[in-house]
């Protein structure tokens, strides 16, 4: 056992009051931000969701954008627990399904485009899923050199 291992052993002995707990370490929860889409119609709904999520253990802040139906929860709470608590208010809730449209390679394909999405957002799409159609662009200069903008009636193919 090196110096680091010895110091860790001693600190565990002091921290646990002398009891040994080698295989039972508590995992530290990481600080995270969970974004939810929650259906809220009025200020009463907003208050109900905010109070419910604020009472969850580990939650530091709850921000609500009623116009976008978006709830942002920051803290040490697990995402599944936050979602469960939001659904417990009786409101329809889901993990935020949208990303900014400039982060998607093809934002206007059928799987990504959603008319209910807030402005500037599209649905999150798995980039590995084959969409079935794809536009192909040729940058080969021989194709573009066949036609002339100066004389549109002339064609080098003939």
N, C-alpha and C. Protein backbone atom coordinates (compact mmCIF):
# COMPACT_ATOMS: atom_id res chain seq x y z
N UNK A 1 0.85 -1.17 0.00
CA UNK A 1 0.00 0.00 0.00
C UNK A 1 0.89 1.22 0.00
N UNK A 2 0.65 2.13 -0.94
CA UNK A 2 1.44 3.34 -1.04
C UNK A 2 0.96 4.40 -0.05
N UNK A 3 1.57 5.55 -0.15
CA UNK A 3 1.23 6.66 0.74
C UNK A 3 -0.22 7.09 0.52
N UNK A 4 -0.65 7.18 -0.77
CA UNK A 4 -2.02 7.58 -1.06
C UNK A 4 -3.03 6.60 -0.51
N UNK A 5 -2.73 5.30 -0.64
CA UNK A 5 -3.63 4.27 -0.13
C UNK A 5 -3.72 4.30 1.38
N UNK A 6 -2.59 4.55 2.03
CA UNK A 6 -2.58 4.63 3.49
C UNK A 6 -3.40 5.81 3.99
N UNK A 7 -3.24 6.95 3.33
CA UNK A 7 -4.01 8.13 3.75
C UNK A 7 -5.50 7.91 3.53
N UNK A 8 -5.85 7.26 2.42
CA UNK A 8 -7.25 6.97 2.16
C UNK A 8 -7.82 6.02 3.21
N UNK A 9 -7.04 5.01 3.60
CA UNK A 9 -7.48 4.04 4.61
C UNK A 9 -7.72 4.73 5.94
N UNK A 10 -6.78 5.61 6.31
CA UNK A 10 -6.91 6.32 7.59
C UNK A 10 -8.11 7.26 7.57
N UNK A 11 -8.31 7.97 6.46
CA UNK A 11 -9.44 8.89 6.40
C UNK A 11 -10.78 8.14 6.44
N UNK A 12 -10.82 6.93 5.86
CA UNK A 12 -12.05 6.14 5.94
C UNK A 12 -12.30 5.65 7.36
N UNK A 13 -11.23 5.29 8.07
CA UNK A 13 -11.39 4.85 9.45
C UNK A 13 -11.93 5.98 10.32
N UNK A 14 -11.40 7.17 10.11
CA UNK A 14 -11.84 8.32 10.89
C UNK A 14 -13.27 8.71 10.49
N UNK A 15 -13.54 8.73 9.20
CA UNK A 15 -14.85 9.15 8.70
C UNK A 15 -15.96 8.18 9.06
N UNK A 16 -15.66 6.88 9.15
CA UNK A 16 -16.68 5.87 9.45
C UNK A 16 -16.72 5.49 10.91
N UNK A 17 -15.95 6.15 11.72
CA UNK A 17 -15.95 5.84 13.15
C UNK A 17 -15.27 4.51 13.44
N UNK A 18 -14.36 4.09 12.58
CA UNK A 18 -13.59 2.89 12.84
C UNK A 18 -14.17 1.65 12.19
N UNK A 19 -15.34 1.69 11.62
CA UNK A 19 -15.90 0.51 10.98
C UNK A 19 -15.35 0.37 9.57
N UNK A 20 -15.17 -0.86 9.13
CA UNK A 20 -14.63 -1.12 7.80
C UNK A 20 -15.77 -1.24 6.81
N UNK A 21 -15.65 -0.52 5.71
CA UNK A 21 -16.66 -0.61 4.65
C UNK A 21 -15.94 -0.51 3.31
N UNK A 22 -15.21 -1.56 2.98
CA UNK A 22 -14.38 -1.49 1.77
C UNK A 22 -15.20 -1.53 0.49
N UNK A 23 -16.18 -2.37 0.36
CA UNK A 23 -16.94 -2.50 -0.88
C UNK A 23 -18.17 -1.62 -0.94
N UNK A 24 -18.43 -0.86 0.09
CA UNK A 24 -19.69 -0.10 0.17
C UNK A 24 -19.43 1.40 0.15
N UNK A 25 -18.88 1.88 -0.94
CA UNK A 25 -18.67 3.32 -1.05
C UNK A 25 -19.90 3.97 -1.64
N UNK A 26 -20.24 5.12 -1.14
CA UNK A 26 -21.36 5.87 -1.68
C UNK A 26 -20.88 6.62 -2.92
N UNK A 27 -21.65 6.51 -3.99
CA UNK A 27 -21.31 7.26 -5.18
C UNK A 27 -21.78 8.70 -5.00
N UNK A 28 -20.90 9.63 -5.34
CA UNK A 28 -21.30 11.04 -5.29
C UNK A 28 -22.12 11.34 -6.52
N UNK A 29 -23.24 11.99 -6.32
CA UNK A 29 -24.06 12.39 -7.45
C UNK A 29 -23.43 13.62 -8.09
N UNK A 30 -23.46 13.64 -9.41
CA UNK A 30 -22.90 14.77 -10.13
C UNK A 30 -23.95 15.86 -10.32
N UNK A 31 -23.46 17.09 -10.35
CA UNK A 31 -24.34 18.22 -10.62
C UNK A 31 -24.75 18.13 -12.08
N UNK A 32 -26.04 18.19 -12.34
CA UNK A 32 -26.52 18.08 -13.71
C UNK A 32 -27.73 18.98 -13.92
N UNK A 33 -28.02 19.22 -15.18
CA UNK A 33 -29.18 20.00 -15.57
C UNK A 33 -30.12 19.10 -16.36
N UNK A 34 -31.37 19.05 -15.93
CA UNK A 34 -32.39 18.22 -16.59
C UNK A 34 -33.41 19.16 -17.20
N UNK A 35 -33.66 18.97 -18.51
CA UNK A 35 -34.65 19.79 -19.20
C UNK A 35 -35.87 18.92 -19.50
N UNK A 36 -37.04 19.44 -19.16
CA UNK A 36 -38.29 18.71 -19.36
C UNK A 36 -39.25 19.54 -20.19
N UNK A 37 -40.12 18.85 -20.90
CA UNK A 37 -41.24 19.51 -21.56
C UNK A 37 -42.47 19.14 -20.75
N UNK A 38 -43.07 20.13 -20.12
CA UNK A 38 -44.23 19.91 -19.25
C UNK A 38 -45.38 20.78 -19.75
N UNK A 39 -46.52 20.19 -19.92
CA UNK A 39 -47.71 20.90 -20.41
C UNK A 39 -48.26 21.76 -19.28
N UNK A 40 -48.14 23.10 -19.43
CA UNK A 40 -48.63 24.04 -18.42
C UNK A 40 -49.48 25.10 -19.11
N UNK A 41 -50.68 25.31 -18.60
CA UNK A 41 -51.61 26.24 -19.23
C UNK A 41 -51.69 27.60 -18.55
N UNK A 42 -51.53 27.61 -17.23
CA UNK A 42 -51.74 28.86 -16.49
C UNK A 42 -50.64 29.04 -15.45
N UNK A 43 -50.71 30.16 -14.75
CA UNK A 43 -49.72 30.44 -13.71
C UNK A 43 -49.84 29.48 -12.54
N UNK A 44 -51.05 28.97 -12.30
CA UNK A 44 -51.25 27.98 -11.24
C UNK A 44 -50.51 26.69 -11.55
N UNK A 45 -50.54 26.28 -12.83
CA UNK A 45 -49.80 25.08 -13.24
C UNK A 45 -48.30 25.29 -13.05
N UNK A 46 -47.83 26.47 -13.43
CA UNK A 46 -46.41 26.79 -13.30
C UNK A 46 -45.99 26.71 -11.84
N UNK A 47 -46.79 27.30 -10.96
CA UNK A 47 -46.48 27.30 -9.53
C UNK A 47 -46.50 25.89 -8.96
N UNK A 48 -47.47 25.09 -9.38
CA UNK A 48 -47.58 23.72 -8.89
C UNK A 48 -46.36 22.89 -9.28
N UNK A 49 -45.92 23.01 -10.54
CA UNK A 49 -44.75 22.27 -11.01
C UNK A 49 -43.49 22.76 -10.32
N UNK A 50 -43.35 24.07 -10.18
CA UNK A 50 -42.16 24.65 -9.56
C UNK A 50 -42.04 24.22 -8.09
N UNK A 51 -43.13 24.28 -7.35
CA UNK A 51 -43.10 23.89 -5.94
C UNK A 51 -42.81 22.39 -5.79
N UNK A 52 -43.38 21.59 -6.65
CA UNK A 52 -43.18 20.15 -6.58
C UNK A 52 -41.72 19.78 -6.85
N UNK A 53 -41.15 20.36 -7.90
CA UNK A 53 -39.76 20.03 -8.25
C UNK A 53 -38.76 20.65 -7.28
N UNK A 54 -39.09 21.79 -6.72
CA UNK A 54 -38.19 22.43 -5.74
C UNK A 54 -38.08 21.62 -4.46
N UNK A 55 -39.14 20.86 -4.14
CA UNK A 55 -39.14 20.08 -2.91
C UNK A 55 -38.33 18.78 -3.04
N UNK A 56 -37.92 18.44 -4.25
CA UNK A 56 -37.14 17.22 -4.49
C UNK A 56 -35.75 17.37 -3.91
N UNK A 57 -35.26 16.33 -3.25
CA UNK A 57 -33.95 16.37 -2.61
C UNK A 57 -32.85 16.49 -3.66
N UNK A 58 -31.95 17.43 -3.48
CA UNK A 58 -30.82 17.63 -4.38
C UNK A 58 -31.04 18.71 -5.41
N UNK A 59 -32.26 19.20 -5.57
CA UNK A 59 -32.56 20.23 -6.57
C UNK A 59 -32.12 21.59 -6.04
N UNK A 60 -31.34 22.31 -6.86
CA UNK A 60 -30.87 23.64 -6.46
C UNK A 60 -31.72 24.75 -7.08
N UNK A 61 -31.99 24.66 -8.40
CA UNK A 61 -32.79 25.69 -9.06
C UNK A 61 -33.81 25.05 -9.99
N UNK A 62 -34.94 25.73 -10.13
CA UNK A 62 -35.99 25.32 -11.08
C UNK A 62 -36.36 26.57 -11.88
N UNK A 63 -36.15 26.51 -13.20
CA UNK A 63 -36.50 27.62 -14.08
C UNK A 63 -37.58 27.14 -15.05
N UNK A 64 -38.61 27.96 -15.22
CA UNK A 64 -39.73 27.57 -16.07
C UNK A 64 -39.97 28.63 -17.14
N UNK A 65 -40.09 28.17 -18.39
CA UNK A 65 -40.47 29.02 -19.51
C UNK A 65 -41.83 28.54 -19.97
N UNK A 66 -42.89 29.25 -19.54
CA UNK A 66 -44.25 28.80 -19.82
C UNK A 66 -44.57 28.84 -21.31
N UNK A 67 -44.02 29.79 -22.03
CA UNK A 67 -44.30 29.91 -23.46
C UNK A 67 -43.78 28.70 -24.23
N UNK A 68 -42.59 28.23 -23.90
CA UNK A 68 -42.01 27.07 -24.57
C UNK A 68 -42.41 25.74 -23.90
N UNK A 69 -43.09 25.81 -22.75
CA UNK A 69 -43.46 24.61 -21.97
C UNK A 69 -42.20 23.88 -21.51
N UNK A 70 -41.16 24.64 -21.15
CA UNK A 70 -39.86 24.07 -20.81
C UNK A 70 -39.54 24.31 -19.34
N UNK A 71 -39.11 23.24 -18.67
CA UNK A 71 -38.69 23.32 -17.27
C UNK A 71 -37.24 22.89 -17.20
N UNK A 72 -36.37 23.72 -16.61
CA UNK A 72 -34.96 23.41 -16.45
C UNK A 72 -34.67 23.25 -14.97
N UNK A 73 -34.23 22.05 -14.59
CA UNK A 73 -33.94 21.74 -13.19
C UNK A 73 -32.44 21.49 -13.05
N UNK A 74 -31.80 22.22 -12.15
CA UNK A 74 -30.37 22.05 -11.91
C UNK A 74 -30.15 21.58 -10.49
N UNK A 75 -29.21 20.65 -10.33
CA UNK A 75 -28.89 20.16 -9.00
C UNK A 75 -28.30 18.77 -9.04
N UNK A 76 -28.37 18.10 -7.90
CA UNK A 76 -27.79 16.77 -7.75
C UNK A 76 -28.84 15.67 -7.82
N UNK A 77 -30.01 15.97 -8.33
CA UNK A 77 -31.09 14.99 -8.42
C UNK A 77 -30.96 14.17 -9.70
N UNK A 78 -31.40 12.93 -9.64
CA UNK A 78 -31.38 12.03 -10.78
C UNK A 78 -32.48 12.44 -11.78
N UNK A 79 -32.18 12.33 -13.08
CA UNK A 79 -33.12 12.76 -14.12
C UNK A 79 -34.42 11.96 -14.07
N UNK A 80 -34.34 10.66 -13.78
CA UNK A 80 -35.56 9.85 -13.73
C UNK A 80 -36.44 10.25 -12.56
N UNK A 81 -35.84 10.64 -11.44
CA UNK A 81 -36.62 11.08 -10.28
C UNK A 81 -37.29 12.44 -10.56
N UNK A 82 -36.58 13.31 -11.27
CA UNK A 82 -37.15 14.62 -11.61
C UNK A 82 -38.34 14.43 -12.54
N UNK A 83 -38.20 13.55 -13.54
CA UNK A 83 -39.29 13.28 -14.46
C UNK A 83 -40.49 12.66 -13.74
N UNK A 84 -40.22 11.73 -12.84
CA UNK A 84 -41.29 11.08 -12.08
C UNK A 84 -42.04 12.09 -11.21
N UNK A 85 -41.29 13.01 -10.59
CA UNK A 85 -41.90 14.02 -9.73
C UNK A 85 -42.76 14.99 -10.57
N UNK A 86 -42.28 15.32 -11.78
CA UNK A 86 -43.05 16.21 -12.65
C UNK A 86 -44.34 15.54 -13.11
N UNK A 87 -44.27 14.25 -13.42
CA UNK A 87 -45.47 13.51 -13.82
C UNK A 87 -46.43 13.36 -12.64
N UNK A 88 -45.89 13.36 -11.42
CA UNK A 88 -46.70 13.23 -10.21
C UNK A 88 -47.59 14.43 -9.96
N UNK A 89 -47.33 15.56 -10.64
CA UNK A 89 -48.19 16.73 -10.49
C UNK A 89 -49.47 16.60 -11.30
N UNK A 90 -49.56 15.55 -12.13
CA UNK A 90 -50.74 15.37 -12.97
C UNK A 90 -50.59 16.00 -14.34
N UNK A 91 -49.44 16.56 -14.62
CA UNK A 91 -49.17 17.20 -15.91
C UNK A 91 -48.47 16.20 -16.83
N UNK A 92 -48.68 16.38 -18.13
CA UNK A 92 -47.98 15.56 -19.11
C UNK A 92 -46.54 16.05 -19.18
N UNK A 93 -45.58 15.17 -18.92
CA UNK A 93 -44.17 15.56 -18.88
C UNK A 93 -43.32 14.54 -19.62
N UNK A 94 -42.25 15.04 -20.24
CA UNK A 94 -41.28 14.19 -20.92
C UNK A 94 -39.94 14.91 -20.92
N UNK A 95 -38.87 14.15 -21.16
CA UNK A 95 -37.56 14.76 -21.30
C UNK A 95 -37.58 15.65 -22.53
N UNK A 96 -36.92 16.81 -22.46
CA UNK A 96 -36.94 17.80 -23.54
C UNK A 96 -36.50 17.15 -24.85
N UNK A 97 -37.41 17.07 -25.84
CA UNK A 97 -37.11 16.33 -27.07
C UNK A 97 -36.48 17.17 -28.18
N UNK A 98 -36.17 18.43 -27.93
CA UNK A 98 -35.74 19.32 -29.00
C UNK A 98 -34.28 19.73 -28.85
N UNK A 99 -33.66 20.04 -29.99
CA UNK A 99 -32.31 20.60 -30.04
C UNK A 99 -32.35 21.80 -30.99
N UNK A 100 -31.43 22.74 -30.87
CA UNK A 100 -31.40 23.85 -31.82
C UNK A 100 -31.21 23.33 -33.25
N UNK A 101 -31.92 23.91 -34.20
CA UNK A 101 -31.91 23.38 -35.56
C UNK A 101 -30.54 23.44 -36.22
N UNK A 102 -29.67 24.34 -35.77
CA UNK A 102 -28.35 24.43 -36.39
C UNK A 102 -27.41 23.31 -35.94
N UNK A 103 -27.82 22.48 -34.98
CA UNK A 103 -27.00 21.34 -34.54
C UNK A 103 -27.38 20.05 -35.26
N UNK A 104 -28.42 20.10 -36.09
CA UNK A 104 -28.88 18.91 -36.80
C UNK A 104 -28.43 19.02 -38.26
N UNK A 105 -27.89 17.92 -38.81
CA UNK A 105 -27.39 17.93 -40.18
C UNK A 105 -28.51 18.21 -41.18
N UNK A 106 -29.66 17.58 -41.01
CA UNK A 106 -30.79 17.77 -41.92
C UNK A 106 -32.03 18.13 -41.08
N UNK A 107 -32.20 19.43 -40.75
CA UNK A 107 -33.29 19.81 -39.84
C UNK A 107 -34.70 19.70 -40.42
N UNK A 108 -34.83 19.58 -41.73
CA UNK A 108 -36.18 19.59 -42.30
C UNK A 108 -36.63 18.23 -42.83
N UNK A 109 -35.98 17.15 -42.40
CA UNK A 109 -36.46 15.83 -42.77
C UNK A 109 -37.67 15.51 -41.89
N UNK A 110 -38.43 14.52 -42.29
CA UNK A 110 -39.69 14.22 -41.62
C UNK A 110 -39.51 13.86 -40.15
N UNK A 111 -38.44 13.18 -39.80
CA UNK A 111 -38.24 12.77 -38.41
C UNK A 111 -37.87 13.94 -37.50
N UNK A 112 -37.20 14.96 -38.04
CA UNK A 112 -36.72 16.07 -37.21
C UNK A 112 -37.71 17.23 -37.16
N UNK A 113 -38.37 17.51 -38.25
CA UNK A 113 -39.24 18.69 -38.30
C UNK A 113 -40.50 18.45 -37.48
N UNK A 114 -40.79 19.37 -36.59
CA UNK A 114 -41.98 19.27 -35.74
C UNK A 114 -42.60 20.66 -35.65
N UNK A 115 -43.82 20.82 -36.15
CA UNK A 115 -44.44 22.14 -36.15
C UNK A 115 -44.81 22.62 -34.76
N UNK A 116 -44.81 21.72 -33.77
CA UNK A 116 -45.10 22.11 -32.39
C UNK A 116 -43.85 22.55 -31.64
N UNK A 117 -42.68 22.40 -32.25
CA UNK A 117 -41.43 22.76 -31.61
C UNK A 117 -41.33 24.28 -31.45
N UNK A 118 -40.66 24.74 -30.39
CA UNK A 118 -40.46 26.18 -30.24
C UNK A 118 -39.63 26.73 -31.41
N UNK A 119 -39.71 28.02 -31.67
CA UNK A 119 -38.93 28.60 -32.78
C UNK A 119 -37.44 28.34 -32.63
N UNK A 120 -36.81 27.88 -33.71
CA UNK A 120 -35.37 27.62 -33.69
C UNK A 120 -35.01 26.23 -33.22
N UNK A 121 -35.98 25.38 -32.94
CA UNK A 121 -35.73 24.02 -32.45
C UNK A 121 -36.35 22.99 -33.39
N UNK A 122 -35.74 21.81 -33.43
CA UNK A 122 -36.29 20.65 -34.12
C UNK A 122 -36.16 19.45 -33.19
N UNK A 123 -36.85 18.37 -33.53
CA UNK A 123 -36.76 17.16 -32.70
C UNK A 123 -35.37 16.57 -32.77
N UNK A 124 -34.95 15.98 -31.65
CA UNK A 124 -33.67 15.32 -31.58
C UNK A 124 -33.75 14.03 -32.41
N UNK A 125 -32.83 13.86 -33.38
CA UNK A 125 -32.84 12.71 -34.26
C UNK A 125 -31.52 11.96 -34.11
N UNK A 126 -31.59 10.64 -34.07
CA UNK A 126 -30.40 9.82 -34.01
C UNK A 126 -29.68 9.91 -35.36
N UNK A 127 -28.42 10.36 -35.39
CA UNK A 127 -27.74 10.53 -36.68
C UNK A 127 -27.44 9.21 -37.39
N UNK A 128 -27.51 8.08 -36.68
CA UNK A 128 -27.22 6.79 -37.29
C UNK A 128 -28.41 6.20 -38.01
N UNK A 129 -29.60 6.77 -37.83
CA UNK A 129 -30.80 6.24 -38.47
C UNK A 129 -30.81 6.68 -39.92
N UNK A 130 -31.05 5.74 -40.83
CA UNK A 130 -31.10 6.04 -42.25
C UNK A 130 -32.46 6.65 -42.57
N UNK A 131 -32.46 7.80 -43.20
CA UNK A 131 -33.71 8.49 -43.49
C UNK A 131 -34.35 8.02 -44.79
N UNK A 132 -33.62 7.29 -45.62
CA UNK A 132 -34.18 6.77 -46.85
C UNK A 132 -33.92 7.65 -48.05
N UNK A 133 -33.90 8.95 -47.89
CA UNK A 133 -33.61 9.85 -49.01
C UNK A 133 -32.44 10.72 -48.66
N UNK A 134 -31.65 11.00 -49.67
CA UNK A 134 -30.49 11.84 -49.42
C UNK A 134 -30.13 12.57 -50.70
N UNK A 135 -29.89 13.84 -50.63
CA UNK A 135 -29.52 14.62 -51.80
C UNK A 135 -28.03 14.45 -52.04
N UNK A 136 -27.66 14.30 -53.30
CA UNK A 136 -26.26 14.13 -53.67
C UNK A 136 -25.88 15.31 -54.55
N UNK A 137 -24.79 15.96 -54.18
CA UNK A 137 -24.30 17.10 -54.93
C UNK A 137 -22.96 16.73 -55.54
N UNK A 138 -22.79 17.05 -56.82
CA UNK A 138 -21.54 16.78 -57.50
C UNK A 138 -20.77 18.07 -57.65
N UNK A 139 -19.54 18.05 -57.23
CA UNK A 139 -18.67 19.20 -57.38
C UNK A 139 -17.68 18.99 -58.52
N UNK A 140 -17.96 18.05 -59.39
CA UNK A 140 -17.08 17.73 -60.49
C UNK A 140 -17.12 18.88 -61.51
N UNK A 141 -16.00 19.52 -61.81
CA UNK A 141 -16.01 20.67 -62.72
C UNK A 141 -16.38 20.30 -64.16
N UNK A 142 -16.23 19.04 -64.56
CA UNK A 142 -16.56 18.68 -65.94
C UNK A 142 -18.05 18.82 -66.21
N UNK A 143 -18.90 18.61 -65.21
CA UNK A 143 -20.34 18.78 -65.41
C UNK A 143 -20.72 20.24 -65.55
N UNK A 144 -20.11 21.06 -64.76
CA UNK A 144 -20.46 22.49 -64.81
C UNK A 144 -19.84 23.19 -66.00
N UNK A 145 -18.76 22.64 -66.57
CA UNK A 145 -18.11 23.26 -67.72
C UNK A 145 -18.85 22.98 -69.02
N UNK A 146 -19.79 22.03 -69.02
CA UNK A 146 -20.52 21.70 -70.24
C UNK A 146 -21.47 22.81 -70.67
N UNK A 147 -21.91 23.60 -69.72
CA UNK A 147 -22.88 24.64 -70.01
C UNK A 147 -22.26 26.00 -69.74
N UNK A 148 -22.64 26.96 -70.55
CA UNK A 148 -22.07 28.28 -70.44
C UNK A 148 -23.17 29.27 -70.04
N UNK A 149 -22.86 30.14 -69.09
CA UNK A 149 -23.80 31.18 -68.70
C UNK A 149 -23.82 32.31 -69.73
N UNK A 150 -22.72 32.45 -70.48
CA UNK A 150 -22.65 33.51 -71.49
C UNK A 150 -23.59 33.23 -72.67
N UNK A 151 -23.65 31.96 -73.09
CA UNK A 151 -24.51 31.58 -74.20
C UNK A 151 -25.34 30.37 -73.78
N UNK A 152 -26.55 30.61 -73.24
CA UNK A 152 -27.34 29.49 -72.71
C UNK A 152 -27.82 28.52 -73.78
N UNK A 153 -27.86 28.93 -75.05
CA UNK A 153 -28.29 28.04 -76.12
C UNK A 153 -27.18 27.10 -76.60
N UNK A 154 -25.96 27.41 -76.25
CA UNK A 154 -24.83 26.57 -76.65
C UNK A 154 -24.62 25.47 -75.62
N UNK A 155 -24.29 24.29 -76.11
CA UNK A 155 -24.06 23.16 -75.23
C UNK A 155 -22.87 22.38 -75.77
N UNK A 156 -21.94 22.04 -74.95
CA UNK A 156 -20.76 21.32 -75.42
C UNK A 156 -21.03 19.84 -75.62
N UNK A 157 -22.21 19.33 -75.23
CA UNK A 157 -22.54 17.93 -75.44
C UNK A 157 -22.81 17.68 -76.92
N UNK A 158 -23.44 18.64 -77.61
CA UNK A 158 -23.78 18.45 -79.02
C UNK A 158 -22.60 18.63 -79.92
